[in-house]
Amino acid sequence: MNNILKSRIILSYLFKAPKLALPKYRQTPVRKILLSSNLNASATNSNGIQNSANDIKLHYEKISNETLESLTERLDELSDELDDLVSNEYDVSFSNGVLNLKLGAEHGTYVINKQTPNLQIWLSSPKSGPKRFDFIDNTWIYKRTGDTLHGLLTKELSEIFKTSIDMSKCSFFF
């Protein structure tokens, strides 16, 4: 049998094989989701060429900045709300797309930052380790587990402070 015939047999078998249905967030590419948002898809540059890649990055920048700024505000508020539960080492800082939440020597430091080339937000957690979140269905989702960024922070911070933490005031909370 020649190679072309073998290839056709293999391809015909693959196309007849049952297909698994993945959860919705695994089926929809991030770029498609961002493009389906309220972007001006007909924007063109001075040469008349569509700027869809630029639109995607601009939209990502807006969403990620709004997310990180709202998280920063909420984490600052937590310091006041949990005054008796928060150590003197508790500190929130946001600069150049990087949010640091220092909880002291006992609990460690959370680092949340933008990853523009991947259109993601990355989280480094002292409790659960590193995670990469994609913006899907108007929220940030970790594809491996389906956890949301806000949900994971709510869960882990509630465990650390041994009280219910509410992150629902943050932008793009699901």
N, C-alpha and C. Protein backbone atom coordinates (compact mmCIF):
# COMPACT_ATOMS: atom_id res chain seq x y z
N MET A 1 0.84 -1.18 0.00
CA MET A 1 0.00 0.00 0.00
C MET A 1 0.89 1.25 0.00
N ASN A 2 0.53 2.21 -0.82
CA ASN A 2 1.35 3.41 -0.83
C ASN A 2 0.95 4.34 0.32
N ASN A 3 1.78 5.35 0.57
CA ASN A 3 1.57 6.26 1.70
C ASN A 3 0.29 7.07 1.58
N ILE A 4 -0.07 7.45 0.37
CA ILE A 4 -1.29 8.24 0.18
C ILE A 4 -2.52 7.43 0.56
N LEU A 5 -2.55 6.17 0.17
CA LEU A 5 -3.68 5.31 0.51
C LEU A 5 -3.74 5.08 2.02
N LYS A 6 -2.61 4.87 2.65
CA LYS A 6 -2.57 4.70 4.11
C LYS A 6 -3.10 5.95 4.81
N SER A 7 -2.68 7.09 4.32
CA SER A 7 -3.14 8.35 4.92
C SER A 7 -4.64 8.51 4.79
N ARG A 8 -5.19 8.16 3.64
CA ARG A 8 -6.63 8.27 3.43
C ARG A 8 -7.40 7.33 4.34
N ILE A 9 -6.89 6.13 4.54
CA ILE A 9 -7.56 5.17 5.43
C ILE A 9 -7.55 5.69 6.86
N ILE A 10 -6.41 6.21 7.29
CA ILE A 10 -6.31 6.73 8.66
C ILE A 10 -7.24 7.93 8.83
N LEU A 11 -7.26 8.83 7.87
CA LEU A 11 -8.13 10.00 7.96
C LEU A 11 -9.60 9.61 7.96
N SER A 12 -9.98 8.64 7.14
CA SER A 12 -11.38 8.23 7.12
C SER A 12 -11.78 7.60 8.45
N TYR A 13 -10.86 6.88 9.08
CA TYR A 13 -11.14 6.30 10.39
C TYR A 13 -11.31 7.41 11.43
N LEU A 14 -10.43 8.40 11.39
CA LEU A 14 -10.50 9.49 12.37
C LEU A 14 -11.79 10.28 12.24
N PHE A 15 -12.25 10.51 11.02
CA PHE A 15 -13.47 11.28 10.83
C PHE A 15 -14.71 10.50 11.24
N LYS A 16 -14.63 9.17 11.27
CA LYS A 16 -15.77 8.36 11.69
C LYS A 16 -15.77 8.14 13.20
N ALA A 17 -14.63 8.38 13.86
CA ALA A 17 -14.53 8.16 15.30
C ALA A 17 -15.45 9.13 16.03
N PRO A 18 -16.04 8.68 17.15
CA PRO A 18 -16.91 9.59 17.90
C PRO A 18 -16.09 10.75 18.46
N LYS A 19 -16.69 11.93 18.45
CA LYS A 19 -16.01 13.12 18.95
C LYS A 19 -16.50 13.42 20.36
N LEU A 20 -15.57 13.77 21.21
CA LEU A 20 -15.90 14.12 22.57
C LEU A 20 -16.31 15.58 22.62
N ALA A 21 -17.32 15.89 23.39
CA ALA A 21 -17.74 17.28 23.56
C ALA A 21 -17.04 17.84 24.79
N LEU A 22 -16.20 18.83 24.58
CA LEU A 22 -15.52 19.48 25.68
C LEU A 22 -16.41 20.56 26.27
N PRO A 23 -16.14 20.96 27.52
CA PRO A 23 -16.91 22.06 28.08
C PRO A 23 -16.79 23.30 27.20
N LYS A 24 -17.76 24.17 27.26
CA LYS A 24 -17.83 25.33 26.38
C LYS A 24 -16.55 26.16 26.42
N TYR A 25 -15.98 26.36 27.62
CA TYR A 25 -14.81 27.22 27.72
C TYR A 25 -13.58 26.62 27.07
N ARG A 26 -13.60 25.33 26.78
CA ARG A 26 -12.47 24.73 26.07
C ARG A 26 -12.68 24.75 24.56
N GLN A 27 -13.88 24.98 24.13
CA GLN A 27 -14.17 24.97 22.71
C GLN A 27 -13.99 26.34 22.06
N THR A 28 -14.18 27.40 22.80
CA THR A 28 -14.16 28.73 22.22
C THR A 28 -12.80 29.37 22.43
N PRO A 29 -12.08 29.65 21.35
CA PRO A 29 -10.77 30.29 21.51
C PRO A 29 -10.89 31.68 22.10
N VAL A 30 -9.91 32.07 22.90
CA VAL A 30 -9.93 33.36 23.57
C VAL A 30 -10.01 34.49 22.56
N ARG A 31 -9.25 34.40 21.47
CA ARG A 31 -9.27 35.46 20.48
C ARG A 31 -10.67 35.64 19.90
N LYS A 32 -11.40 34.54 19.70
CA LYS A 32 -12.75 34.63 19.15
C LYS A 32 -13.68 35.30 20.15
N ILE A 33 -13.50 34.98 21.42
CA ILE A 33 -14.34 35.58 22.45
C ILE A 33 -14.10 37.08 22.50
N LEU A 34 -12.83 37.48 22.47
CA LEU A 34 -12.54 38.90 22.52
C LEU A 34 -13.07 39.63 21.29
N LEU A 35 -12.99 38.98 20.13
CA LEU A 35 -13.49 39.61 18.92
C LEU A 35 -15.01 39.71 18.92
N SER A 36 -15.67 38.78 19.59
CA SER A 36 -17.13 38.80 19.60
C SER A 36 -17.68 39.86 20.55
N SER A 37 -16.80 40.45 21.37
CA SER A 37 -17.23 41.51 22.27
C SER A 37 -17.48 42.78 21.46
N ASN A 38 -17.76 43.86 22.13
CA ASN A 38 -18.09 45.10 21.45
C ASN A 38 -16.86 45.78 20.87
N LEU A 39 -16.25 45.18 19.89
CA LEU A 39 -15.11 45.77 19.20
C LEU A 39 -15.55 46.32 17.87
N ASN A 40 -14.86 47.32 17.40
CA ASN A 40 -15.13 47.85 16.08
C ASN A 40 -14.37 46.99 15.08
N ALA A 41 -15.00 45.95 14.58
CA ALA A 41 -14.33 44.99 13.70
C ALA A 41 -13.93 45.59 12.37
N SER A 42 -14.49 46.72 12.02
CA SER A 42 -14.16 47.30 10.72
C SER A 42 -13.07 48.37 10.82
N ALA A 43 -12.43 48.50 12.00
CA ALA A 43 -11.37 49.50 12.15
C ALA A 43 -10.21 49.18 11.22
N THR A 44 -9.73 50.21 10.55
CA THR A 44 -8.62 50.01 9.62
C THR A 44 -7.52 51.00 9.92
N ASN A 45 -6.29 50.63 9.52
CA ASN A 45 -5.17 51.55 9.70
C ASN A 45 -5.08 52.47 8.49
N SER A 46 -4.00 53.27 8.42
CA SER A 46 -3.86 54.25 7.34
C SER A 46 -3.73 53.59 5.98
N ASN A 47 -3.35 52.31 5.95
CA ASN A 47 -3.22 51.58 4.68
C ASN A 47 -4.51 50.86 4.30
N GLY A 48 -5.56 51.00 5.10
CA GLY A 48 -6.82 50.35 4.80
C GLY A 48 -6.86 48.89 5.22
N ILE A 49 -5.92 48.45 6.06
CA ILE A 49 -5.86 47.05 6.51
C ILE A 49 -6.53 46.96 7.88
N GLN A 50 -7.32 45.91 8.06
CA GLN A 50 -8.02 45.72 9.33
C GLN A 50 -7.04 45.55 10.48
N ASN A 51 -7.37 46.13 11.62
CA ASN A 51 -6.52 46.09 12.81
C ASN A 51 -7.06 45.11 13.85
N SER A 52 -7.52 43.95 13.47
CA SER A 52 -8.14 43.05 14.44
C SER A 52 -7.17 42.62 15.52
N ALA A 53 -5.90 42.39 15.20
CA ALA A 53 -4.92 42.01 16.22
C ALA A 53 -4.73 43.15 17.22
N ASN A 54 -4.69 44.38 16.72
CA ASN A 54 -4.57 45.52 17.62
C ASN A 54 -5.82 45.69 18.47
N ASP A 55 -6.98 45.47 17.87
CA ASP A 55 -8.23 45.56 18.62
C ASP A 55 -8.26 44.54 19.75
N ILE A 56 -7.81 43.34 19.45
CA ILE A 56 -7.78 42.28 20.47
C ILE A 56 -6.89 42.70 21.62
N LYS A 57 -5.71 43.18 21.32
CA LYS A 57 -4.78 43.58 22.38
C LYS A 57 -5.32 44.76 23.19
N LEU A 58 -5.91 45.72 22.50
CA LEU A 58 -6.48 46.87 23.21
C LEU A 58 -7.62 46.44 24.12
N HIS A 59 -8.48 45.56 23.63
CA HIS A 59 -9.59 45.06 24.44
C HIS A 59 -9.06 44.25 25.64
N TYR A 60 -8.07 43.41 25.40
CA TYR A 60 -7.45 42.65 26.47
C TYR A 60 -6.86 43.59 27.52
N GLU A 61 -6.13 44.62 27.07
CA GLU A 61 -5.52 45.57 28.00
C GLU A 61 -6.58 46.24 28.87
N LYS A 62 -7.68 46.64 28.25
CA LYS A 62 -8.75 47.29 29.00
C LYS A 62 -9.34 46.34 30.05
N ILE A 63 -9.64 45.12 29.64
CA ILE A 63 -10.25 44.15 30.54
C ILE A 63 -9.30 43.75 31.66
N SER A 64 -8.06 43.46 31.32
CA SER A 64 -7.10 43.02 32.33
C SER A 64 -6.78 44.15 33.31
N ASN A 65 -6.62 45.37 32.81
CA ASN A 65 -6.37 46.50 33.72
C ASN A 65 -7.54 46.73 34.66
N GLU A 66 -8.75 46.69 34.11
CA GLU A 66 -9.93 46.88 34.95
C GLU A 66 -10.03 45.78 36.00
N THR A 67 -9.72 44.56 35.62
CA THR A 67 -9.75 43.44 36.57
C THR A 67 -8.74 43.66 37.69
N LEU A 68 -7.49 43.95 37.33
CA LEU A 68 -6.44 44.10 38.33
C LEU A 68 -6.67 45.33 39.22
N GLU A 69 -7.18 46.41 38.64
CA GLU A 69 -7.46 47.60 39.45
C GLU A 69 -8.60 47.34 40.43
N SER A 70 -9.63 46.63 40.00
CA SER A 70 -10.75 46.35 40.91
C SER A 70 -10.32 45.37 42.01
N LEU A 71 -9.45 44.42 41.66
CA LEU A 71 -8.91 43.51 42.68
C LEU A 71 -8.07 44.29 43.70
N THR A 72 -7.27 45.22 43.22
CA THR A 72 -6.44 46.04 44.10
C THR A 72 -7.31 46.82 45.08
N GLU A 73 -8.36 47.45 44.56
CA GLU A 73 -9.26 48.21 45.42
C GLU A 73 -9.91 47.32 46.47
N ARG A 74 -10.38 46.15 46.03
CA ARG A 74 -11.07 45.24 46.96
C ARG A 74 -10.11 44.72 48.03
N LEU A 75 -8.89 44.39 47.62
CA LEU A 75 -7.92 43.87 48.59
C LEU A 75 -7.49 44.97 49.57
N ASP A 76 -7.45 46.22 49.12
CA ASP A 76 -7.20 47.34 50.03
C ASP A 76 -8.33 47.48 51.04
N GLU A 77 -9.57 47.35 50.58
CA GLU A 77 -10.73 47.43 51.47
C GLU A 77 -10.69 46.33 52.52
N LEU A 78 -10.22 45.14 52.11
CA LEU A 78 -10.16 44.01 53.06
C LEU A 78 -9.27 44.34 54.25
N SER A 79 -8.23 45.09 54.02
CA SER A 79 -7.32 45.48 55.10
C SER A 79 -8.09 46.21 56.20
N ASP A 80 -8.99 47.12 55.80
CA ASP A 80 -9.79 47.86 56.77
C ASP A 80 -10.87 46.99 57.40
N GLU A 81 -11.54 46.16 56.58
CA GLU A 81 -12.62 45.31 57.07
C GLU A 81 -12.14 44.25 58.05
N LEU A 82 -10.95 43.72 57.81
CA LEU A 82 -10.42 42.62 58.62
C LEU A 82 -9.29 43.09 59.53
N ASP A 83 -9.40 44.30 60.01
CA ASP A 83 -8.31 44.94 60.74
C ASP A 83 -7.70 44.05 61.82
N ASP A 84 -8.54 43.39 62.61
CA ASP A 84 -8.03 42.55 63.69
C ASP A 84 -7.47 41.22 63.20
N LEU A 85 -7.82 40.78 61.97
CA LEU A 85 -7.33 39.51 61.44
C LEU A 85 -6.09 39.66 60.55
N VAL A 86 -5.81 40.87 60.12
CA VAL A 86 -4.72 41.11 59.17
C VAL A 86 -3.45 41.45 59.94
N SER A 87 -2.33 40.84 59.50
CA SER A 87 -1.06 41.12 60.15
C SER A 87 -0.53 42.49 59.74
N ASN A 88 0.45 42.98 60.47
CA ASN A 88 1.08 44.26 60.14
C ASN A 88 1.80 44.20 58.81
N GLU A 89 2.11 43.00 58.35
CA GLU A 89 2.84 42.82 57.09
C GLU A 89 1.92 42.83 55.87
N TYR A 90 0.61 42.89 56.07
CA TYR A 90 -0.35 42.90 54.97
C TYR A 90 -0.11 44.13 54.11
N ASP A 91 0.08 43.91 52.81
CA ASP A 91 0.33 45.03 51.91
C ASP A 91 -0.17 44.70 50.52
N VAL A 92 -0.81 45.67 49.88
CA VAL A 92 -1.31 45.51 48.52
C VAL A 92 -0.62 46.57 47.67
N SER A 93 -0.04 46.14 46.54
CA SER A 93 0.56 47.10 45.61
C SER A 93 0.27 46.67 44.18
N PHE A 94 0.05 47.68 43.33
CA PHE A 94 -0.21 47.42 41.92
C PHE A 94 0.62 48.39 41.10
N SER A 95 1.48 47.85 40.24
CA SER A 95 2.34 48.68 39.41
C SER A 95 2.73 47.92 38.16
N ASN A 96 2.66 48.60 37.01
CA ASN A 96 3.10 48.02 35.73
C ASN A 96 2.45 46.67 35.42
N GLY A 97 1.18 46.55 35.74
CA GLY A 97 0.45 45.33 35.42
C GLY A 97 0.69 44.18 36.37
N VAL A 98 1.33 44.45 37.52
CA VAL A 98 1.60 43.40 38.51
C VAL A 98 0.98 43.79 39.84
N LEU A 99 0.12 42.91 40.36
CA LEU A 99 -0.52 43.11 41.65
C LEU A 99 0.13 42.17 42.66
N ASN A 100 0.65 42.75 43.75
CA ASN A 100 1.24 41.96 44.82
C ASN A 100 0.38 42.08 46.06
N LEU A 101 0.07 40.95 46.66
CA LEU A 101 -0.65 40.90 47.93
C LEU A 101 0.22 40.16 48.93
N LYS A 102 0.83 40.91 49.85
CA LYS A 102 1.70 40.33 50.86
C LYS A 102 0.89 40.08 52.12
N LEU A 103 0.88 38.83 52.54
CA LEU A 103 0.10 38.45 53.72
C LEU A 103 0.97 38.16 54.93
N GLY A 104 2.27 38.35 54.81
CA GLY A 104 3.18 38.10 55.91
C GLY A 104 3.88 36.77 55.78
N ALA A 105 4.81 36.52 56.69
CA ALA A 105 5.66 35.32 56.62
C ALA A 105 4.85 34.02 56.73
N GLU A 106 3.79 34.06 57.49
CA GLU A 106 3.01 32.83 57.71
C GLU A 106 2.24 32.38 56.46
N HIS A 107 1.72 33.34 55.68
CA HIS A 107 0.85 33.00 54.54
C HIS A 107 1.46 33.28 53.17
N GLY A 108 2.54 34.05 53.10
CA GLY A 108 3.21 34.27 51.82
C GLY A 108 2.65 35.44 51.03
N THR A 109 2.98 35.44 49.74
CA THR A 109 2.63 36.54 48.84
C THR A 109 1.93 36.02 47.59
N TYR A 110 0.84 36.67 47.23
CA TYR A 110 0.16 36.41 45.97
C TYR A 110 0.69 37.40 44.94
N VAL A 111 0.96 36.91 43.74
CA VAL A 111 1.34 37.78 42.64
C VAL A 111 0.37 37.51 41.50
N ILE A 112 -0.27 38.56 41.03
CA ILE A 112 -1.24 38.46 39.93
C ILE A 112 -0.77 39.44 38.86
N ASN A 113 -0.53 38.93 37.65
CA ASN A 113 -0.02 39.81 36.61
C ASN A 113 -0.59 39.49 35.24
N LYS A 114 -0.51 40.50 34.37
CA LYS A 114 -0.96 40.36 32.99
C LYS A 114 0.11 39.62 32.19
N GLN A 115 -0.34 38.80 31.25
CA GLN A 115 0.54 38.17 30.27
C GLN A 115 -0.03 38.52 28.90
N THR A 116 0.31 39.69 28.42
CA THR A 116 -0.26 40.23 27.19
C THR A 116 -0.05 39.32 25.98
N PRO A 117 1.15 38.75 25.77
CA PRO A 117 1.31 37.90 24.58
C PRO A 117 0.34 36.72 24.54
N ASN A 118 -0.04 36.20 25.72
CA ASN A 118 -0.95 35.05 25.80
C ASN A 118 -2.40 35.47 26.05
N LEU A 119 -2.63 36.76 26.23
CA LEU A 119 -3.96 37.28 26.57
C LEU A 119 -4.49 36.62 27.84
N GLN A 120 -3.63 36.49 28.85
CA GLN A 120 -3.98 35.82 30.09
C GLN A 120 -3.64 36.69 31.29
N ILE A 121 -4.19 36.29 32.42
CA ILE A 121 -3.75 36.79 33.72
C ILE A 121 -3.17 35.59 34.46
N TRP A 122 -1.98 35.79 35.00
CA TRP A 122 -1.31 34.71 35.73
C TRP A 122 -1.38 35.01 37.22
N LEU A 123 -1.59 33.95 37.99
CA LEU A 123 -1.65 34.03 39.44
C LEU A 123 -0.59 33.11 40.02
N SER A 124 0.19 33.64 40.94
CA SER A 124 1.10 32.81 41.72
C SER A 124 0.57 32.84 43.15
N SER A 125 0.08 31.70 43.61
CA SER A 125 -0.55 31.61 44.92
C SER A 125 0.34 30.83 45.89
N PRO A 126 0.52 31.33 47.12
CA PRO A 126 1.29 30.56 48.09
C PRO A 126 0.56 29.29 48.56
N LYS A 127 -0.75 29.23 48.31
CA LYS A 127 -1.53 28.05 48.70
C LYS A 127 -1.65 27.01 47.59
N SER A 128 -1.95 27.45 46.37
CA SER A 128 -2.25 26.49 45.30
C SER A 128 -1.26 26.52 44.14
N GLY A 129 -0.28 27.41 44.18
CA GLY A 129 0.73 27.44 43.13
C GLY A 129 0.32 28.31 41.95
N PRO A 130 1.00 28.13 40.82
CA PRO A 130 0.75 28.98 39.65
C PRO A 130 -0.49 28.56 38.87
N LYS A 131 -1.18 29.55 38.33
CA LYS A 131 -2.36 29.31 37.50
C LYS A 131 -2.37 30.35 36.38
N ARG A 132 -2.91 29.96 35.22
CA ARG A 132 -3.03 30.86 34.07
C ARG A 132 -4.49 30.96 33.69
N PHE A 133 -5.03 32.17 33.76
CA PHE A 133 -6.45 32.40 33.53
C PHE A 133 -6.69 33.04 32.17
N ASP A 134 -7.68 32.50 31.44
CA ASP A 134 -8.11 33.03 30.16
C ASP A 134 -9.44 33.74 30.35
N PHE A 135 -9.67 34.79 29.59
CA PHE A 135 -10.92 35.54 29.67
C PHE A 135 -11.96 34.86 28.78
N ILE A 136 -12.92 34.19 29.42
CA ILE A 136 -13.92 33.40 28.70
C ILE A 136 -15.29 33.68 29.33
N ASP A 137 -16.27 33.92 28.49
CA ASP A 137 -17.64 34.17 28.95
C ASP A 137 -17.68 35.25 30.03
N ASN A 138 -16.94 36.32 29.80
CA ASN A 138 -16.93 37.50 30.66
C ASN A 138 -16.36 37.27 32.06
N THR A 139 -15.48 36.28 32.20
CA THR A 139 -14.78 36.06 33.47
C THR A 139 -13.44 35.40 33.18
N TRP A 140 -12.57 35.37 34.18
CA TRP A 140 -11.24 34.78 34.04
C TRP A 140 -11.29 33.35 34.54
N ILE A 141 -11.00 32.38 33.66
CA ILE A 141 -11.14 30.96 33.98
C ILE A 141 -9.81 30.23 33.81
N TYR A 142 -9.50 29.37 34.79
CA TYR A 142 -8.35 28.47 34.69
C TYR A 142 -8.87 27.21 34.01
N LYS A 143 -8.45 26.97 32.78
CA LYS A 143 -9.04 25.91 31.95
C LYS A 143 -8.87 24.51 32.52
N ARG A 144 -7.80 24.26 33.23
CA ARG A 144 -7.56 22.89 33.73
C ARG A 144 -8.60 22.44 34.75
N THR A 145 -9.06 23.39 35.57
CA THR A 145 -10.01 23.02 36.62
C THR A 145 -11.37 23.68 36.47
N GLY A 146 -11.45 24.74 35.68
CA GLY A 146 -12.69 25.49 35.56
C GLY A 146 -12.86 26.53 36.64
N ASP A 147 -11.87 26.67 37.55
CA ASP A 147 -11.94 27.69 38.60
C ASP A 147 -11.86 29.08 37.98
N THR A 148 -12.55 30.02 38.61
CA THR A 148 -12.42 31.41 38.19
C THR A 148 -11.37 32.09 39.07
N LEU A 149 -10.78 33.16 38.56
CA LEU A 149 -9.79 33.91 39.32
C LEU A 149 -10.40 34.42 40.63
N HIS A 150 -11.57 35.04 40.53
CA HIS A 150 -12.21 35.60 41.72
C HIS A 150 -12.65 34.51 42.70
N GLY A 151 -13.14 33.41 42.14
CA GLY A 151 -13.58 32.30 43.00
C GLY A 151 -12.42 31.69 43.77
N LEU A 152 -11.29 31.52 43.10
CA LEU A 152 -10.11 30.95 43.76
C LEU A 152 -9.60 31.89 44.85
N LEU A 153 -9.53 33.19 44.54
CA LEU A 153 -9.10 34.16 45.56
C LEU A 153 -10.06 34.18 46.75
N THR A 154 -11.36 34.16 46.46
CA THR A 154 -12.36 34.14 47.53
C THR A 154 -12.15 32.93 48.44
N LYS A 155 -11.99 31.76 47.83
CA LYS A 155 -11.82 30.52 48.59
C LYS A 155 -10.55 30.56 49.43
N GLU A 156 -9.43 30.89 48.80
CA GLU A 156 -8.15 30.85 49.52
C GLU A 156 -8.05 31.92 50.60
N LEU A 157 -8.51 33.14 50.31
CA LEU A 157 -8.44 34.19 51.32
C LEU A 157 -9.41 33.92 52.47
N SER A 158 -10.56 33.32 52.17
CA SER A 158 -11.49 32.93 53.24
C SER A 158 -10.86 31.90 54.16
N GLU A 159 -10.11 30.95 53.59
CA GLU A 159 -9.42 29.94 54.39
C GLU A 159 -8.31 30.57 55.23
N ILE A 160 -7.56 31.50 54.64
CA ILE A 160 -6.45 32.13 55.36
C ILE A 160 -6.97 32.96 56.53
N PHE A 161 -8.01 33.78 56.30
CA PHE A 161 -8.51 34.67 57.35
C PHE A 161 -9.60 34.03 58.19
N LYS A 162 -9.99 32.80 57.84
CA LYS A 162 -11.00 32.05 58.59
C LYS A 162 -12.31 32.85 58.75
N THR A 163 -12.68 33.53 57.66
CA THR A 163 -13.93 34.27 57.60
C THR A 163 -14.32 34.38 56.13
N SER A 164 -15.59 34.62 55.88
CA SER A 164 -16.07 34.70 54.51
C SER A 164 -15.60 36.00 53.86
N ILE A 165 -14.94 35.86 52.72
CA ILE A 165 -14.45 37.00 51.95
C ILE A 165 -15.35 37.15 50.71
N ASP A 166 -15.77 38.37 50.44
CA ASP A 166 -16.65 38.64 49.30
C ASP A 166 -15.88 39.42 48.24
N MET A 167 -15.67 38.80 47.07
CA MET A 167 -14.97 39.46 45.96
C MET A 167 -15.96 39.85 44.86
N SER A 168 -17.26 39.78 45.14
CA SER A 168 -18.26 40.01 44.09
C SER A 168 -18.31 41.47 43.61
N LYS A 169 -17.70 42.38 44.34
CA LYS A 169 -17.68 43.79 43.92
C LYS A 169 -16.66 44.02 42.81
N CYS A 170 -15.80 43.07 42.58
CA CYS A 170 -14.73 43.22 41.58
C CYS A 170 -15.28 43.07 40.15
N SER A 171 -14.60 43.73 39.23
CA SER A 171 -14.99 43.64 37.82
C SER A 171 -14.78 42.23 37.31
N PHE A 172 -15.69 41.78 36.47
CA PHE A 172 -15.66 40.47 35.81
C PHE A 172 -15.73 39.32 36.81
N PHE A 173 -16.38 39.56 37.96
CA PHE A 173 -16.66 38.50 38.91
C PHE A 173 -17.75 37.63 38.32
N PHE A 174 -17.64 36.33 38.48
CA PHE A 174 -18.64 35.42 37.94
C PHE A 174 -19.37 34.76 39.06
